[in-house]
């Protein structure tokens, strides 16, 4: 059997990523992060570090576990079922855009890009509160890397990606299929 994968733990991180994305503007507005009042970008530097650390760590962990989950159940669940569930999970969500390179934005491919990115940069926007301009994390990551000697770039909408991943893992079909992954007492030949 494979590693034990804590699906509830993955879902928790995905929900927190969505909240973190949604709350960045309000958090930064309340502290005027990156404003002229934020002398020397002190709070901005600290917040940038938190964004980079939390978002990179959680997206990477969720992506790795998602791939292990898919690869561990590959013998029991056919590829077409995974692909259909992947597509269904992304309906109505703008998970990102390939800004360089040609690849489909499936959850599997996005997980691959997150795992193999050699450059990951949180993207920022400016806004104003009471006439003072401040910066906040836009909820997107600029990722880049190389595959087969060919460079690629991706703008990942973290909240939409996390929402799609949450849909995938919460889908009743996937819950049944993934329920026993990593359980040594569950015989592989009887997997759903």
N, C-alpha and C. Protein backbone atom coordinates (compact mmCIF):
# COMPACT_ATOMS: atom_id res chain seq x y z
N UNK A 1 0.82 -1.19 0.00
CA UNK A 1 0.00 0.00 0.00
C UNK A 1 0.87 1.25 0.00
N UNK A 2 0.27 2.35 -0.38
CA UNK A 2 0.99 3.62 -0.46
C UNK A 2 1.11 4.28 0.91
N UNK A 3 1.66 5.48 0.91
CA UNK A 3 1.67 6.30 2.12
C UNK A 3 0.24 6.54 2.57
N UNK A 4 0.06 6.73 3.86
CA UNK A 4 -1.26 7.14 4.34
C UNK A 4 -1.41 8.63 4.02
N UNK A 5 -2.48 8.99 3.34
CA UNK A 5 -2.71 10.38 2.96
C UNK A 5 -3.93 10.89 3.72
N UNK A 6 -3.71 11.92 4.47
CA UNK A 6 -4.75 12.53 5.28
C UNK A 6 -5.59 13.46 4.41
N UNK A 7 -6.65 12.93 3.82
CA UNK A 7 -7.49 13.71 2.91
C UNK A 7 -8.09 14.92 3.64
N UNK A 8 -8.55 14.72 4.87
CA UNK A 8 -9.10 15.85 5.63
C UNK A 8 -8.05 16.93 5.85
N UNK A 9 -6.81 16.54 6.08
CA UNK A 9 -5.73 17.50 6.25
C UNK A 9 -5.46 18.28 4.97
N UNK A 10 -5.53 17.60 3.82
CA UNK A 10 -5.36 18.28 2.54
C UNK A 10 -6.50 19.28 2.34
N UNK A 11 -7.72 18.84 2.62
CA UNK A 11 -8.88 19.73 2.46
C UNK A 11 -8.76 20.96 3.37
N UNK A 12 -8.27 20.76 4.58
CA UNK A 12 -8.09 21.88 5.50
C UNK A 12 -7.13 22.91 4.91
N UNK A 13 -6.00 22.46 4.37
CA UNK A 13 -5.03 23.38 3.78
C UNK A 13 -5.63 24.11 2.57
N UNK A 14 -6.42 23.39 1.77
CA UNK A 14 -7.04 24.01 0.60
C UNK A 14 -8.03 25.10 1.01
N UNK A 15 -8.79 24.85 2.06
CA UNK A 15 -9.73 25.86 2.55
C UNK A 15 -8.98 27.06 3.11
N UNK A 16 -7.91 26.82 3.87
CA UNK A 16 -7.12 27.92 4.42
C UNK A 16 -6.46 28.75 3.32
N UNK A 17 -6.02 28.11 2.25
CA UNK A 17 -5.45 28.85 1.12
C UNK A 17 -6.50 29.78 0.50
N UNK A 18 -7.74 29.30 0.39
CA UNK A 18 -8.80 30.13 -0.16
C UNK A 18 -9.07 31.33 0.75
N UNK A 19 -9.11 31.09 2.05
CA UNK A 19 -9.32 32.19 3.00
C UNK A 19 -8.15 33.18 2.98
N UNK A 20 -6.94 32.67 2.92
CA UNK A 20 -5.76 33.52 2.90
C UNK A 20 -5.79 34.42 1.66
N UNK A 21 -6.14 33.84 0.51
CA UNK A 21 -6.24 34.62 -0.73
C UNK A 21 -7.31 35.70 -0.59
N UNK A 22 -8.45 35.33 -0.06
CA UNK A 22 -9.56 36.27 0.05
C UNK A 22 -9.30 37.37 1.07
N UNK A 23 -8.51 37.10 2.08
CA UNK A 23 -8.32 38.05 3.16
C UNK A 23 -7.11 38.96 3.03
N UNK A 24 -6.27 38.75 2.03
CA UNK A 24 -5.03 39.52 1.94
C UNK A 24 -5.28 41.02 1.82
N UNK A 25 -6.20 41.41 0.97
CA UNK A 25 -6.45 42.85 0.77
C UNK A 25 -6.88 43.51 2.07
N UNK A 26 -7.82 42.92 2.75
CA UNK A 26 -8.32 43.49 4.01
C UNK A 26 -7.23 43.55 5.07
N UNK A 27 -6.46 42.48 5.19
CA UNK A 27 -5.36 42.42 6.16
C UNK A 27 -4.36 43.54 5.89
N UNK A 28 -3.96 43.68 4.64
CA UNK A 28 -2.96 44.68 4.28
C UNK A 28 -3.51 46.10 4.39
N UNK A 29 -4.79 46.29 4.09
CA UNK A 29 -5.40 47.62 4.21
C UNK A 29 -5.40 48.07 5.67
N UNK A 30 -5.67 47.17 6.57
CA UNK A 30 -5.70 47.50 7.99
C UNK A 30 -4.34 47.85 8.55
N UNK A 31 -3.28 47.44 7.87
CA UNK A 31 -1.92 47.70 8.35
C UNK A 31 -1.13 48.62 7.42
N UNK A 32 -1.79 49.02 6.31
CA UNK A 32 -1.15 49.84 5.27
C UNK A 32 0.20 49.25 4.85
N UNK A 33 0.17 47.94 4.61
CA UNK A 33 1.37 47.20 4.19
C UNK A 33 1.89 47.77 2.87
N UNK A 34 3.17 48.02 2.82
CA UNK A 34 3.78 48.52 1.60
C UNK A 34 3.46 49.97 1.29
N UNK A 35 2.90 50.70 2.23
CA UNK A 35 2.57 52.10 2.00
C UNK A 35 3.73 52.99 2.40
N UNK A 36 3.57 54.29 2.16
CA UNK A 36 4.61 55.25 2.58
C UNK A 36 4.75 55.26 4.10
N UNK A 37 3.71 54.82 4.81
CA UNK A 37 3.77 54.78 6.27
C UNK A 37 4.48 53.52 6.77
N UNK A 38 4.63 52.55 5.89
CA UNK A 38 5.33 51.31 6.22
C UNK A 38 6.82 51.55 5.95
N UNK A 39 7.46 52.27 6.86
CA UNK A 39 8.84 52.72 6.68
C UNK A 39 9.76 51.57 6.31
N UNK A 40 10.49 51.74 5.22
CA UNK A 40 11.46 50.75 4.79
C UNK A 40 10.85 49.42 4.40
N UNK A 41 9.56 49.44 4.11
CA UNK A 41 8.84 48.21 3.75
C UNK A 41 8.98 47.13 4.81
N UNK A 42 9.12 47.53 6.07
CA UNK A 42 9.30 46.57 7.16
C UNK A 42 8.18 45.55 7.25
N UNK A 43 6.93 46.02 7.38
CA UNK A 43 5.82 45.08 7.46
C UNK A 43 5.59 44.37 6.13
N UNK A 44 5.84 45.09 5.02
CA UNK A 44 5.69 44.45 3.72
C UNK A 44 6.66 43.28 3.59
N UNK A 45 7.90 43.50 4.00
CA UNK A 45 8.90 42.43 3.93
C UNK A 45 8.47 41.23 4.77
N UNK A 46 7.97 41.51 5.96
CA UNK A 46 7.51 40.43 6.84
C UNK A 46 6.30 39.71 6.24
N UNK A 47 5.33 40.47 5.74
CA UNK A 47 4.13 39.87 5.16
C UNK A 47 4.48 39.09 3.89
N UNK A 48 5.38 39.64 3.06
CA UNK A 48 5.83 38.92 1.87
C UNK A 48 6.38 37.55 2.28
N UNK A 49 7.18 37.53 3.35
CA UNK A 49 7.74 36.27 3.83
C UNK A 49 6.67 35.29 4.27
N UNK A 50 5.64 35.81 4.95
CA UNK A 50 4.54 34.93 5.37
C UNK A 50 3.79 34.38 4.17
N UNK A 51 3.47 35.26 3.22
CA UNK A 51 2.75 34.82 2.02
C UNK A 51 3.55 33.75 1.30
N UNK A 52 4.80 34.05 1.02
CA UNK A 52 5.64 33.11 0.27
C UNK A 52 5.74 31.77 1.01
N UNK A 53 6.02 31.82 2.32
CA UNK A 53 6.19 30.59 3.09
C UNK A 53 4.92 29.76 3.20
N UNK A 54 3.83 30.39 3.58
CA UNK A 54 2.58 29.66 3.77
C UNK A 54 2.04 29.13 2.45
N UNK A 55 1.97 29.99 1.45
CA UNK A 55 1.36 29.60 0.18
C UNK A 55 2.21 28.53 -0.52
N UNK A 56 3.51 28.74 -0.56
CA UNK A 56 4.38 27.74 -1.22
C UNK A 56 4.32 26.40 -0.49
N UNK A 57 4.41 26.43 0.81
CA UNK A 57 4.39 25.20 1.60
C UNK A 57 3.09 24.43 1.41
N UNK A 58 1.97 25.13 1.52
CA UNK A 58 0.67 24.44 1.44
C UNK A 58 0.33 23.99 0.02
N UNK A 59 0.63 24.82 -1.00
CA UNK A 59 0.35 24.37 -2.36
C UNK A 59 1.23 23.19 -2.74
N UNK A 60 2.48 23.22 -2.30
CA UNK A 60 3.40 22.12 -2.60
C UNK A 60 2.95 20.84 -1.91
N UNK A 61 2.61 20.92 -0.62
CA UNK A 61 2.17 19.73 0.10
C UNK A 61 0.91 19.14 -0.52
N UNK A 62 -0.07 19.99 -0.83
CA UNK A 62 -1.31 19.50 -1.43
C UNK A 62 -1.06 18.88 -2.80
N UNK A 63 -0.18 19.50 -3.58
CA UNK A 63 0.13 18.97 -4.92
C UNK A 63 0.82 17.62 -4.85
N UNK A 64 1.78 17.49 -3.95
CA UNK A 64 2.49 16.22 -3.81
C UNK A 64 1.53 15.12 -3.38
N UNK A 65 0.73 15.39 -2.38
CA UNK A 65 -0.21 14.38 -1.89
C UNK A 65 -1.26 14.05 -2.95
N UNK A 66 -1.69 15.04 -3.71
CA UNK A 66 -2.65 14.81 -4.80
C UNK A 66 -2.06 13.86 -5.83
N UNK A 67 -0.81 14.09 -6.22
CA UNK A 67 -0.16 13.22 -7.19
C UNK A 67 0.05 11.81 -6.63
N UNK A 68 0.47 11.70 -5.37
CA UNK A 68 0.63 10.38 -4.75
C UNK A 68 -0.71 9.67 -4.72
N UNK A 69 -1.75 10.40 -4.38
CA UNK A 69 -3.10 9.82 -4.34
C UNK A 69 -3.49 9.29 -5.71
N UNK A 70 -3.29 10.09 -6.73
CA UNK A 70 -3.63 9.64 -8.08
C UNK A 70 -2.77 8.45 -8.51
N UNK A 71 -1.47 8.53 -8.26
CA UNK A 71 -0.58 7.46 -8.69
C UNK A 71 -0.82 6.17 -7.91
N UNK A 72 -1.17 6.29 -6.63
CA UNK A 72 -1.40 5.11 -5.78
C UNK A 72 -2.67 4.37 -6.15
N UNK A 73 -3.62 5.07 -6.72
CA UNK A 73 -4.90 4.45 -7.06
C UNK A 73 -5.02 4.19 -8.56
N UNK A 74 -3.94 4.39 -9.30
CA UNK A 74 -3.98 4.25 -10.75
C UNK A 74 -4.41 2.86 -11.19
N UNK A 75 -4.06 1.83 -10.46
CA UNK A 75 -4.45 0.47 -10.84
C UNK A 75 -5.91 0.18 -10.58
N UNK A 76 -6.52 0.90 -9.65
CA UNK A 76 -7.91 0.66 -9.29
C UNK A 76 -8.88 1.60 -9.98
N UNK A 77 -8.41 2.79 -10.33
CA UNK A 77 -9.29 3.80 -10.93
C UNK A 77 -8.73 4.13 -12.31
N UNK A 78 -9.58 4.00 -13.34
CA UNK A 78 -9.06 4.24 -14.68
C UNK A 78 -8.81 5.73 -14.92
N UNK A 79 -7.91 5.99 -15.82
CA UNK A 79 -7.46 7.35 -16.14
C UNK A 79 -8.61 8.23 -16.61
N UNK A 80 -9.53 7.66 -17.37
CA UNK A 80 -10.67 8.43 -17.88
C UNK A 80 -11.53 8.96 -16.74
N UNK A 81 -11.69 8.18 -15.69
CA UNK A 81 -12.47 8.62 -14.53
C UNK A 81 -11.79 9.80 -13.84
N UNK A 82 -10.46 9.72 -13.68
CA UNK A 82 -9.70 10.83 -13.10
C UNK A 82 -9.84 12.08 -13.96
N UNK A 83 -9.68 11.91 -15.28
CA UNK A 83 -9.74 13.05 -16.18
C UNK A 83 -11.11 13.72 -16.15
N UNK A 84 -12.17 12.91 -16.12
CA UNK A 84 -13.53 13.46 -16.07
C UNK A 84 -13.77 14.22 -14.76
N UNK A 85 -13.29 13.66 -13.67
CA UNK A 85 -13.44 14.32 -12.37
C UNK A 85 -12.61 15.60 -12.31
N UNK A 86 -11.42 15.57 -12.89
CA UNK A 86 -10.56 16.75 -12.96
C UNK A 86 -11.28 17.88 -13.71
N UNK A 87 -11.83 17.54 -14.88
CA UNK A 87 -12.53 18.54 -15.68
C UNK A 87 -13.76 19.09 -14.96
N UNK A 88 -14.54 18.20 -14.38
CA UNK A 88 -15.74 18.60 -13.63
C UNK A 88 -15.38 19.53 -12.47
N UNK A 89 -14.27 19.29 -11.81
CA UNK A 89 -13.85 20.07 -10.65
C UNK A 89 -13.45 21.50 -11.01
N UNK A 90 -13.05 21.72 -12.26
CA UNK A 90 -12.58 23.04 -12.69
C UNK A 90 -13.66 23.89 -13.35
N UNK A 91 -14.85 23.33 -13.55
CA UNK A 91 -15.91 24.05 -14.24
C UNK A 91 -16.23 25.37 -13.51
N UNK A 92 -16.23 26.45 -14.29
CA UNK A 92 -16.57 27.77 -13.76
C UNK A 92 -15.47 28.45 -12.96
N UNK A 93 -14.30 27.84 -12.90
CA UNK A 93 -13.19 28.41 -12.11
C UNK A 93 -12.04 28.79 -13.04
N UNK A 94 -11.45 29.95 -12.81
CA UNK A 94 -10.28 30.40 -13.55
C UNK A 94 -9.05 30.04 -12.72
N UNK A 95 -8.53 28.83 -12.94
CA UNK A 95 -7.43 28.32 -12.12
C UNK A 95 -6.09 28.95 -12.47
N UNK A 96 -6.00 29.61 -13.60
CA UNK A 96 -4.75 30.25 -13.97
C UNK A 96 -4.61 30.37 -15.47
N UNK A 97 -3.39 30.67 -15.90
CA UNK A 97 -3.11 30.82 -17.32
C UNK A 97 -1.66 30.45 -17.60
N UNK A 98 -1.47 29.73 -18.69
CA UNK A 98 -0.12 29.45 -19.17
C UNK A 98 0.35 30.71 -19.87
N UNK A 99 1.37 31.36 -19.35
CA UNK A 99 1.87 32.59 -19.96
C UNK A 99 3.05 32.33 -20.90
N UNK A 100 3.61 31.14 -20.84
CA UNK A 100 4.66 30.71 -21.76
C UNK A 100 4.66 29.19 -21.79
N UNK A 101 4.59 28.63 -22.97
CA UNK A 101 4.55 27.18 -23.10
C UNK A 101 3.14 26.73 -23.45
N UNK A 102 3.05 25.47 -23.82
CA UNK A 102 1.77 24.91 -24.24
C UNK A 102 1.45 23.70 -23.37
N UNK A 103 0.52 23.88 -22.45
CA UNK A 103 0.10 22.78 -21.59
C UNK A 103 -1.33 23.05 -21.11
N UNK A 104 -2.04 21.96 -20.85
CA UNK A 104 -3.42 22.06 -20.39
C UNK A 104 -3.43 22.31 -18.88
N UNK A 105 -4.34 23.12 -18.43
CA UNK A 105 -4.42 23.48 -17.02
C UNK A 105 -5.30 22.52 -16.23
N UNK A 106 -4.97 21.23 -16.29
CA UNK A 106 -5.66 20.24 -15.48
C UNK A 106 -5.09 20.30 -14.06
N UNK A 107 -5.81 19.76 -13.11
CA UNK A 107 -5.31 19.73 -11.74
C UNK A 107 -4.03 18.91 -11.65
N UNK A 108 -3.98 17.83 -12.41
CA UNK A 108 -2.77 17.00 -12.42
C UNK A 108 -1.58 17.80 -12.96
N UNK A 109 -1.77 18.50 -14.08
CA UNK A 109 -0.68 19.27 -14.67
C UNK A 109 -0.30 20.46 -13.79
N UNK A 110 -1.28 21.11 -13.19
CA UNK A 110 -0.98 22.21 -12.29
C UNK A 110 -0.19 21.71 -11.08
N UNK A 111 -0.54 20.54 -10.59
CA UNK A 111 0.22 19.96 -9.48
C UNK A 111 1.65 19.69 -9.91
N UNK A 112 1.83 19.17 -11.11
CA UNK A 112 3.18 18.95 -11.64
C UNK A 112 3.96 20.26 -11.71
N UNK A 113 3.30 21.30 -12.20
CA UNK A 113 3.98 22.60 -12.34
C UNK A 113 4.35 23.16 -10.96
N UNK A 114 3.47 23.03 -9.98
CA UNK A 114 3.77 23.50 -8.63
C UNK A 114 4.97 22.74 -8.07
N UNK A 115 4.98 21.44 -8.24
CA UNK A 115 6.06 20.59 -7.71
C UNK A 115 7.39 20.90 -8.38
N UNK A 116 7.38 21.12 -9.68
CA UNK A 116 8.63 21.25 -10.44
C UNK A 116 9.03 22.69 -10.74
N UNK A 117 8.30 23.67 -10.24
CA UNK A 117 8.65 25.07 -10.49
C UNK A 117 10.02 25.37 -9.89
N UNK A 118 10.83 26.08 -10.64
CA UNK A 118 12.15 26.50 -10.14
C UNK A 118 12.13 27.96 -9.72
N UNK A 119 11.04 28.65 -10.00
CA UNK A 119 10.86 30.04 -9.58
C UNK A 119 9.39 30.23 -9.23
N UNK A 120 9.15 30.73 -8.03
CA UNK A 120 7.78 30.96 -7.55
C UNK A 120 7.74 32.34 -6.91
N UNK A 121 6.88 33.22 -7.44
CA UNK A 121 6.82 34.60 -6.96
C UNK A 121 5.37 34.98 -6.68
N UNK A 122 5.05 35.37 -5.44
CA UNK A 122 3.71 35.90 -5.15
C UNK A 122 3.54 37.23 -5.89
N UNK A 123 2.37 37.43 -6.49
CA UNK A 123 2.11 38.67 -7.23
C UNK A 123 1.31 39.64 -6.36
N UNK A 124 1.63 40.93 -6.51
CA UNK A 124 1.07 41.97 -5.65
C UNK A 124 0.27 42.97 -6.46
N UNK A 125 -0.68 43.60 -5.80
CA UNK A 125 -1.46 44.68 -6.40
C UNK A 125 -1.43 45.87 -5.45
N UNK A 126 -1.73 47.01 -6.01
CA UNK A 126 -1.84 48.22 -5.21
C UNK A 126 -3.30 48.63 -5.09
N UNK A 127 -3.62 49.21 -3.98
CA UNK A 127 -4.95 49.74 -3.74
C UNK A 127 -4.80 50.94 -2.82
N UNK A 128 -5.89 51.62 -2.54
CA UNK A 128 -5.82 52.76 -1.62
C UNK A 128 -6.88 52.63 -0.55
N UNK A 129 -6.55 53.19 0.60
CA UNK A 129 -7.50 53.31 1.69
C UNK A 129 -7.31 54.72 2.27
N UNK A 130 -8.38 55.47 2.30
CA UNK A 130 -8.33 56.86 2.78
C UNK A 130 -7.20 57.65 2.13
N UNK A 131 -7.02 57.46 0.83
CA UNK A 131 -6.02 58.20 0.09
C UNK A 131 -4.59 57.69 0.20
N UNK A 132 -4.37 56.63 0.97
CA UNK A 132 -3.02 56.07 1.13
C UNK A 132 -2.93 54.77 0.33
N UNK A 133 -1.93 54.72 -0.55
CA UNK A 133 -1.73 53.52 -1.36
C UNK A 133 -1.00 52.46 -0.54
N UNK A 134 -1.44 51.21 -0.68
CA UNK A 134 -0.81 50.08 -0.01
C UNK A 134 -0.73 48.92 -0.99
N UNK A 135 -0.03 47.86 -0.62
CA UNK A 135 0.12 46.67 -1.45
C UNK A 135 -0.52 45.48 -0.75
N UNK A 136 -1.06 44.57 -1.56
CA UNK A 136 -1.60 43.32 -1.02
C UNK A 136 -1.33 42.19 -2.00
N UNK A 137 -1.29 40.97 -1.46
CA UNK A 137 -1.09 39.80 -2.31
C UNK A 137 -2.35 39.60 -3.15
N UNK A 138 -2.17 39.48 -4.45
CA UNK A 138 -3.29 39.38 -5.39
C UNK A 138 -3.98 38.02 -5.35
N UNK A 139 -3.37 37.04 -4.72
CA UNK A 139 -3.93 35.69 -4.71
C UNK A 139 -3.36 34.82 -5.82
N UNK A 140 -2.39 35.37 -6.56
CA UNK A 140 -1.79 34.60 -7.65
C UNK A 140 -0.29 34.39 -7.39
N UNK A 141 0.20 33.32 -7.99
CA UNK A 141 1.63 33.02 -7.98
C UNK A 141 2.10 32.96 -9.42
N UNK A 142 3.25 33.55 -9.68
CA UNK A 142 3.92 33.39 -10.98
C UNK A 142 4.92 32.26 -10.81
N UNK A 143 4.71 31.17 -11.55
CA UNK A 143 5.59 30.02 -11.48
C UNK A 143 6.28 29.84 -12.82
N UNK A 144 7.52 29.38 -12.78
CA UNK A 144 8.21 29.07 -14.03
C UNK A 144 9.15 27.90 -13.81
N UNK A 145 9.50 27.28 -14.90
CA UNK A 145 10.39 26.14 -14.85
C UNK A 145 10.71 25.68 -16.26
N UNK A 146 11.13 24.44 -16.34
CA UNK A 146 11.53 23.88 -17.62
C UNK A 146 11.11 22.42 -17.65
N UNK A 147 10.63 21.98 -18.81
CA UNK A 147 10.30 20.56 -18.97
C UNK A 147 10.83 20.12 -20.32
N UNK A 148 11.68 19.11 -20.29
CA UNK A 148 12.26 18.61 -21.53
C UNK A 148 13.07 19.67 -22.26
N UNK A 149 13.70 20.56 -21.51
CA UNK A 149 14.51 21.61 -22.12
C UNK A 149 13.70 22.80 -22.62
N UNK A 150 12.38 22.75 -22.44
CA UNK A 150 11.52 23.85 -22.90
C UNK A 150 11.00 24.62 -21.69
N UNK A 151 11.20 25.95 -21.68
CA UNK A 151 10.74 26.75 -20.56
C UNK A 151 9.21 26.90 -20.56
N UNK A 152 8.66 27.06 -19.38
CA UNK A 152 7.23 27.32 -19.22
C UNK A 152 7.03 28.36 -18.12
N UNK A 153 5.93 29.09 -18.22
CA UNK A 153 5.53 30.06 -17.20
C UNK A 153 4.03 29.91 -16.97
N UNK A 154 3.64 30.12 -15.74
CA UNK A 154 2.25 29.93 -15.34
C UNK A 154 1.87 30.97 -14.30
N UNK A 155 0.69 31.53 -14.45
CA UNK A 155 0.11 32.37 -13.42
C UNK A 155 -0.99 31.51 -12.77
N UNK A 156 -0.79 31.15 -11.52
CA UNK A 156 -1.72 30.28 -10.79
C UNK A 156 -2.62 31.12 -9.90
N UNK A 157 -3.93 30.99 -10.09
CA UNK A 157 -4.91 31.62 -9.21
C UNK A 157 -5.10 30.64 -8.05
N UNK A 158 -4.45 30.92 -6.94
CA UNK A 158 -4.38 29.98 -5.82
C UNK A 158 -5.76 29.63 -5.28
N UNK A 159 -6.63 30.61 -5.10
CA UNK A 159 -7.95 30.35 -4.54
C UNK A 159 -8.78 29.44 -5.45
N UNK A 160 -8.79 29.74 -6.75
CA UNK A 160 -9.56 28.91 -7.69
C UNK A 160 -8.98 27.51 -7.79
N UNK A 161 -7.64 27.42 -7.82
CA UNK A 161 -6.99 26.09 -7.85
C UNK A 161 -7.36 25.29 -6.60
N UNK A 162 -7.27 25.94 -5.43
CA UNK A 162 -7.61 25.25 -4.18
C UNK A 162 -9.08 24.84 -4.16
N UNK A 163 -9.95 25.67 -4.70
CA UNK A 163 -11.37 25.35 -4.77
C UNK A 163 -11.60 24.12 -5.68
N UNK A 164 -10.93 24.11 -6.83
CA UNK A 164 -11.06 22.96 -7.74
C UNK A 164 -10.52 21.69 -7.10
N UNK A 165 -9.39 21.79 -6.42
CA UNK A 165 -8.82 20.63 -5.73
C UNK A 165 -9.78 20.15 -4.64
N UNK A 166 -10.39 21.07 -3.92
CA UNK A 166 -11.36 20.73 -2.88
C UNK A 166 -12.54 19.99 -3.50
N UNK A 167 -13.04 20.50 -4.63
CA UNK A 167 -14.14 19.81 -5.33
C UNK A 167 -13.74 18.39 -5.70
N UNK A 168 -12.53 18.25 -6.26
CA UNK A 168 -12.06 16.94 -6.69
C UNK A 168 -12.05 15.96 -5.52
N UNK A 169 -11.46 16.38 -4.41
CA UNK A 169 -11.31 15.49 -3.26
C UNK A 169 -12.62 15.25 -2.51
N UNK A 170 -13.55 16.20 -2.60
CA UNK A 170 -14.82 16.09 -1.89
C UNK A 170 -15.89 15.39 -2.70
N UNK A 171 -15.66 15.20 -3.97
CA UNK A 171 -16.63 14.55 -4.83
C UNK A 171 -16.93 13.15 -4.28
N UNK A 172 -18.19 12.78 -4.28
CA UNK A 172 -18.59 11.50 -3.67
C UNK A 172 -17.89 10.31 -4.33
N UNK A 173 -17.67 10.37 -5.63
CA UNK A 173 -16.97 9.28 -6.31
C UNK A 173 -15.53 9.18 -5.84
N UNK A 174 -14.87 10.32 -5.71
CA UNK A 174 -13.47 10.28 -5.30
C UNK A 174 -13.35 9.88 -3.84
N UNK A 175 -14.29 10.33 -3.00
CA UNK A 175 -14.24 9.94 -1.59
C UNK A 175 -14.26 8.42 -1.45
N UNK A 176 -15.14 7.78 -2.19
CA UNK A 176 -15.23 6.32 -2.13
C UNK A 176 -13.94 5.68 -2.66
N UNK A 177 -13.43 6.21 -3.75
CA UNK A 177 -12.25 5.62 -4.37
C UNK A 177 -11.00 5.80 -3.52
N UNK A 178 -10.92 6.91 -2.78
CA UNK A 178 -9.71 7.23 -2.02
C UNK A 178 -9.79 6.83 -0.56
N UNK A 179 -10.93 6.34 -0.13
CA UNK A 179 -11.15 6.08 1.29
C UNK A 179 -10.08 5.20 1.92
N UNK A 180 -9.60 4.20 1.19
CA UNK A 180 -8.71 3.21 1.81
C UNK A 180 -7.25 3.35 1.37
N UNK A 181 -6.92 4.42 0.68
CA UNK A 181 -5.53 4.60 0.24
C UNK A 181 -4.63 4.65 1.46
N UNK A 182 -3.59 3.84 1.43
CA UNK A 182 -2.60 3.83 2.51
C UNK A 182 -2.95 2.92 3.67
N UNK A 183 -4.11 2.27 3.62
CA UNK A 183 -4.50 1.37 4.70
C UNK A 183 -3.95 -0.03 4.40
N UNK A 184 -3.00 -0.48 5.20
CA UNK A 184 -2.37 -1.77 4.96
C UNK A 184 -3.34 -2.95 5.11
N UNK A 185 -4.36 -2.77 5.93
CA UNK A 185 -5.29 -3.86 6.16
C UNK A 185 -6.29 -4.03 5.03
N UNK A 186 -6.33 -3.10 4.09
CA UNK A 186 -7.28 -3.19 2.98
C UNK A 186 -6.61 -3.84 1.79
N UNK A 187 -7.02 -5.03 1.41
CA UNK A 187 -6.36 -5.73 0.29
C UNK A 187 -6.53 -4.97 -1.02
N UNK A 188 -5.42 -4.78 -1.73
CA UNK A 188 -5.42 -4.01 -2.96
C UNK A 188 -6.38 -4.58 -4.02
N UNK A 189 -6.48 -5.90 -4.08
CA UNK A 189 -7.33 -6.49 -5.12
C UNK A 189 -8.82 -6.28 -4.84
N UNK A 190 -9.18 -5.80 -3.66
CA UNK A 190 -10.59 -5.52 -3.36
C UNK A 190 -10.88 -4.02 -3.32
N UNK A 191 -9.96 -3.20 -3.80
CA UNK A 191 -10.15 -1.75 -3.75
C UNK A 191 -11.33 -1.35 -4.62
N UNK A 192 -12.04 -0.27 -4.22
CA UNK A 192 -13.21 0.18 -5.00
C UNK A 192 -12.81 0.69 -6.37
